[in-house]
Protein backbone atom coordinates (compact mmCIF):
# COMPACT_ATOMS: atom_id res chain seq x y z
CA MET A 1 -5.44 85.30 21.52
CA SER A 2 -6.29 82.07 22.33
CA ALA A 3 -5.21 78.93 20.52
CA ALA A 4 -7.56 78.08 18.41
CA ARG A 5 -7.78 82.03 17.32
CA ARG A 6 -3.58 81.81 16.43
CA ILE A 7 -4.20 78.17 14.86
CA ARG A 8 -6.87 79.60 12.76
CA SER A 9 -4.97 83.05 11.88
CA LEU A 10 -2.30 80.94 10.71
CA GLY A 11 -4.23 78.80 8.78
CA ARG A 12 -5.81 81.76 6.17
CA ALA A 13 -2.65 83.30 5.66
CA GLU A 14 -1.56 79.47 4.94
CA LEU A 15 -5.42 79.35 3.03
CA THR A 16 -3.96 82.10 0.85
CA LEU A 17 -0.70 80.53 -0.68
CA LEU A 18 -2.95 77.18 -1.00
CA LEU A 19 -5.29 79.04 -3.27
CA ARG A 20 -2.39 80.87 -5.28
CA ASN A 21 -0.40 77.42 -5.63
CA ARG A 22 -2.35 75.41 -8.96
CA ALA A 23 0.05 72.54 -8.22
CA ALA A 24 -0.53 72.56 -4.80
CA LEU A 25 -4.74 72.74 -5.48
CA PHE A 26 -4.65 69.65 -8.26
CA SER A 27 -2.89 67.17 -6.13
CA ALA A 28 -5.28 68.49 -3.12
CA ILE A 29 -8.46 68.41 -4.99
CA VAL A 30 -8.52 66.99 -8.58
CA LEU A 31 -6.06 63.81 -8.41
CA PRO A 32 -8.29 61.56 -5.97
CA VAL A 33 -10.49 62.38 -8.01
CA THR A 34 -8.91 60.44 -11.46
CA LEU A 35 -6.54 58.28 -9.56
CA VAL A 36 -10.22 55.82 -8.49
CA GLY A 37 -10.70 55.83 -12.27
CA PRO A 38 -8.71 53.24 -13.43
CA LEU A 39 -9.44 51.32 -10.07
CA ALA A 40 -12.56 51.02 -11.63
CA GLY A 41 -11.43 48.37 -14.00
CA VAL A 42 -9.36 46.08 -11.21
CA SER A 43 -10.41 42.31 -11.67
CA ALA A 44 -10.39 41.57 -8.04
CA ASP A 45 -12.66 39.35 -5.43
CA ARG A 46 -13.80 41.58 -2.58
CA GLY A 47 -16.29 39.50 -1.03
CA ALA A 48 -18.75 41.27 0.93
CA LEU A 49 -17.37 44.54 -0.05
CA SER A 50 -19.19 46.37 -2.40
CA THR A 51 -17.34 47.75 -5.50
CA MET A 52 -18.66 51.26 -5.18
CA ALA A 53 -17.62 51.13 -1.40
CA PHE A 54 -14.22 49.71 -2.36
CA LEU A 55 -14.05 52.60 -4.99
CA LEU A 56 -15.25 55.09 -2.95
CA THR A 57 -12.86 54.41 0.42
CA ALA A 58 -10.05 54.25 -2.20
CA MET A 59 -11.05 57.89 -2.73
CA LEU A 60 -10.79 58.90 0.36
CA GLY A 61 -7.27 56.98 0.80
CA PHE A 62 -5.78 59.49 -1.98
CA VAL A 63 -7.41 62.19 -0.63
CA LEU A 64 -4.63 61.16 2.92
CA LEU A 65 -2.03 60.74 0.47
CA ALA A 66 -2.53 64.01 -1.94
CA ALA A 67 -4.24 66.17 0.06
CA VAL A 68 -2.80 65.61 3.44
CA TYR A 69 0.49 64.53 2.98
CA TYR A 70 1.92 65.18 -0.14
CA ASN A 71 1.29 68.61 0.11
CA LEU A 72 1.84 69.48 3.21
CA VAL A 73 5.51 67.88 3.50
CA THR A 74 6.20 71.19 0.75
CA ALA A 75 4.83 73.21 2.37
CA TYR A 76 5.95 72.01 6.17
CA VAL A 77 9.93 72.84 3.84
CA ALA A 78 8.95 75.72 1.89
CA ARG A 79 7.53 77.46 5.08
CA ARG A 80 11.30 76.10 6.62
CA GLU A 81 13.98 76.92 4.11
CA GLU A 82 12.31 80.63 3.89
CA LEU A 83 12.52 80.99 7.16
CA VAL A 84 8.86 81.10 7.74
CA LEU A 85 9.02 78.44 10.61
CA LYS A 86 11.52 80.43 13.04
CA ARG A 87 10.46 83.51 12.83
CA LEU A 88 6.60 82.34 13.56
CA ARG A 89 8.54 80.18 16.66
CA ALA A 90 9.90 83.65 18.06
CA GLY A 91 6.44 84.71 18.63
CA GLU A 92 3.80 83.40 20.55
CA LEU A 93 2.42 80.56 18.97
CA THR A 94 4.00 77.07 20.63
CA ASP A 95 5.36 74.17 18.06
CA ALA A 96 1.75 72.42 17.94
CA GLU A 97 0.63 75.51 17.23
CA ILE A 98 2.79 76.04 14.17
CA LEU A 99 2.73 72.60 12.55
CA ALA A 100 -1.03 72.43 13.32
CA GLY A 101 -1.78 76.28 11.33
CA VAL A 102 0.18 75.35 8.67
CA ALA A 103 -1.96 71.86 8.42
CA SER A 104 -5.09 73.43 8.60
CA PRO A 105 -5.94 74.00 4.93
CA ALA A 106 -5.48 70.71 3.91
CA VAL A 107 -6.96 68.87 7.18
CA ALA A 108 -10.22 71.22 6.14
CA VAL A 109 -9.96 70.06 2.34
CA ALA A 110 -9.55 66.67 3.37
CA LEU A 111 -11.97 66.76 5.73
CA ALA A 112 -15.19 68.39 2.66
CA GLN A 113 -13.90 65.95 0.38
CA SER A 114 -14.56 62.72 3.01
CA LEU A 115 -17.64 64.29 4.02
CA LEU A 116 -18.64 64.88 0.44
CA SER A 117 -17.74 61.05 -1.02
CA VAL A 118 -19.95 59.47 1.82
CA VAL A 119 -23.04 61.67 1.04
CA ALA A 120 -22.66 60.77 -2.54
CA GLY A 121 -22.02 57.76 -2.08
CA ALA A 122 -25.47 57.44 0.27
CA VAL A 123 -27.44 59.85 -1.74
CA PHE A 124 -25.96 59.00 -5.80
CA LEU A 125 -24.32 55.90 -5.52
CA GLY A 126 -26.67 53.99 -3.46
CA LEU A 127 -24.86 52.64 -0.69
CA PRO A 128 -26.11 52.42 2.82
CA ALA A 129 -25.61 55.07 5.57
CA PRO A 130 -22.69 54.12 7.64
CA VAL A 131 -23.10 51.23 9.99
CA ASN A 132 -20.43 53.31 12.80
CA ALA A 133 -20.36 56.31 11.81
CA PRO A 134 -17.67 56.96 15.31
CA LEU A 135 -15.66 53.76 13.27
CA LEU A 136 -15.67 55.80 9.86
CA LEU A 137 -14.66 59.02 11.91
CA PHE A 138 -12.04 57.30 14.13
CA GLY A 139 -10.75 56.09 11.04
CA VAL A 140 -10.74 59.44 8.56
CA ALA A 141 -9.25 62.03 11.38
CA GLY A 142 -7.27 59.26 12.60
CA GLY A 143 -5.92 59.05 9.14
CA VAL A 144 -5.22 63.39 8.78
CA VAL A 145 -3.21 62.74 11.93
CA VAL A 146 -1.16 60.03 10.69
CA PHE A 147 -0.46 61.99 7.97
CA VAL A 148 0.14 65.51 8.89
CA LEU A 149 2.42 63.97 11.73
CA LEU A 150 4.55 61.90 8.24
CA ALA A 151 4.42 64.63 6.66
CA ALA A 152 6.59 67.08 8.83
CA ALA A 153 8.78 63.85 9.69
CA SER A 154 9.29 63.90 5.86
CA SER A 155 10.21 67.75 5.51
CA VAL A 156 12.94 66.49 8.27
CA PHE A 157 14.86 64.81 5.49
CA THR A 158 13.76 66.41 2.77
CA ARG A 159 16.37 69.51 1.66
CA THR A 160 14.04 71.61 -1.39
CA THR A 161 10.32 71.68 -1.97
CA GLU A 162 11.30 69.90 -5.33
CA LEU A 163 13.22 66.58 -3.37
CA ALA A 164 10.07 65.80 -1.76
CA GLN A 165 8.89 64.52 -4.95
CA ILE A 166 11.45 62.00 -4.30
CA THR A 167 11.35 61.73 -0.56
CA THR A 168 7.60 61.14 -0.33
CA LEU A 169 7.85 57.89 -2.88
CA PRO A 170 8.26 55.51 -0.31
CA ILE A 171 5.30 56.38 2.04
CA LEU A 172 3.08 57.37 -1.28
CA LEU A 173 3.74 53.97 -3.59
CA GLY A 174 3.77 51.31 -0.27
CA CYS A 175 0.65 52.56 0.73
CA LEU A 176 -0.64 53.28 -2.75
CA PHE A 177 0.04 49.61 -3.46
CA GLY A 178 0.06 48.39 -0.46
CA SER A 179 -3.14 49.40 1.89
CA GLY A 180 -5.47 47.73 0.25
CA LEU A 181 -6.48 50.91 -1.92
CA MET A 182 -6.02 48.90 -5.29
CA VAL A 183 -6.72 44.65 -4.05
CA PRO A 184 -8.48 43.69 -0.77
CA LEU A 185 -5.74 42.73 1.66
CA GLU A 186 -7.29 39.07 1.68
CA GLU A 187 -6.41 38.49 -1.81
CA LEU A 188 -2.93 38.18 -0.51
CA PRO A 189 -1.09 35.73 0.87
CA ASP A 190 -1.46 35.54 4.54
CA PRO A 191 1.95 36.40 4.97
CA VAL A 192 2.26 39.30 2.71
CA ALA A 193 -1.45 40.66 4.42
CA SER A 194 -0.03 40.91 7.82
CA ALA A 195 3.16 42.91 7.30
CA LEU A 196 0.93 45.11 4.82
CA ARG A 197 -1.26 46.00 7.12
CA ALA A 198 1.63 47.62 9.50
CA LEU A 199 1.86 50.63 6.78
CA PRO A 200 0.30 53.83 8.52
CA LEU A 201 -2.98 53.97 5.54
CA SER A 202 -3.88 50.41 6.33
CA PRO A 203 -5.28 50.38 8.88
CA VAL A 204 -6.90 53.58 7.55
CA VAL A 205 -8.91 51.84 5.14
CA GLU A 206 -9.79 49.46 7.20
CA LEU A 207 -11.64 51.14 9.34
CA MET A 208 -13.44 53.32 7.14
CA ARG A 209 -14.90 50.22 5.48
CA LEU A 210 -15.47 49.13 8.77
CA GLY A 211 -17.36 51.70 10.10
CA TRP A 212 -19.15 52.27 6.68
CA VAL A 213 -20.16 48.40 5.26
CA GLY A 214 -19.57 47.00 8.02
CA THR A 215 -16.29 44.45 6.72
CA ALA A 216 -13.18 45.29 5.09
CA GLY A 217 -13.24 42.53 2.35
CA GLU A 218 -14.13 39.10 2.94
CA ARG A 219 -16.46 38.85 6.05
CA ALA A 220 -19.66 39.12 6.00
CA PRO A 221 -20.91 43.44 7.32
CA GLU A 222 -21.02 43.22 10.85
CA ASP A 223 -23.90 45.79 12.80
CA PHE A 224 -22.92 48.58 14.69
CA ALA A 225 -21.54 46.77 17.53
CA GLY A 226 -20.28 44.08 16.20
CA ALA A 227 -17.88 46.08 14.01
CA PHE A 228 -15.98 47.05 17.12
CA GLY A 229 -14.55 43.48 17.56
CA PRO A 230 -12.32 43.52 13.43
CA ALA A 231 -12.29 47.16 14.21
CA ALA A 232 -9.71 46.77 17.69
CA VAL A 233 -6.66 45.68 15.39
CA PRO A 234 -6.24 48.34 12.83
CA ALA A 235 -7.09 50.97 15.39
CA ALA A 236 -4.27 49.81 17.60
CA VAL A 237 -1.90 49.76 14.53
CA LEU A 238 -3.69 53.52 13.80
CA VAL A 239 -3.02 54.66 17.49
CA ALA A 240 1.21 53.42 16.84
CA TRP A 241 1.07 55.69 13.74
CA MET A 242 0.64 58.46 15.54
CA VAL A 243 2.66 57.89 18.70
CA LEU A 244 5.96 57.08 16.37
CA GLY A 245 5.06 60.16 14.46
CA ALA A 246 4.72 62.63 17.52
CA VAL A 247 8.28 61.35 18.75
CA ALA A 248 9.87 61.18 15.21
CA ILE A 249 8.52 65.13 15.38
CA ARG A 250 9.66 66.01 18.94
CA TYR A 251 12.37 64.59 18.19
CA TRP A 252 13.83 65.32 14.80
CA PHE A 253 11.60 68.40 13.18
CA ARG A 254 14.10 71.07 11.89
CA TRP A 255 12.78 74.54 12.40
CA GLU A 256 15.69 76.22 9.93
CA PRO A 257 17.65 75.36 6.93
CA ARG A 258 20.58 73.22 7.37
CA ARG A 259 23.44 75.49 7.66
């Protein structure tokens, strides 16, 4: 079997388990939508960024946190503690294929929600078509990769699925309140905003907003070519998180329970 077929087979099994887990389905599908509601009442001067663009890109950020990161931490921990990862490693699948196969249902849900959000924003909410679709796609795809890697890394210090509610809090709360989801970073003091731009979700949100409407906040919207300039720094930060996540998994990921 090819690598793609092996990942697809494992992904089908994981999808079956996801559909049977009501809590996981809720956090993956319903929770991101319900969290966007309170943002509508947040008063902040978003500059050139429209309220609808602010809310919809915030929802895409919530999708990465809930559907990808949190769900995958519990999935990796559960499969490790049940010795599933250890048994899979004894077969034909490579380490990368195992990690990708377990992650594939959550990734599919996140990508589907992102696509529906873009379509709904354009058709029903009057948002323009993306100014720079490659930037938008890179932001979403890069965010998915980063939070899959962070989920695998977080599983290292999560001994049980119950503890995932605690061990994931630093990243969840840090990204929720510090990545421009609640208030644009331009509204914060420059030193604080500069530090928060190093969080893993911050470059994703900036790239999605630049790709969709050509601005991440106060700046006037850019055209297709002009959006690449402001995207250079967040793109570099996003790539740095990918590298850090891959290194963490390479050296510290655990494939079987601690004894």
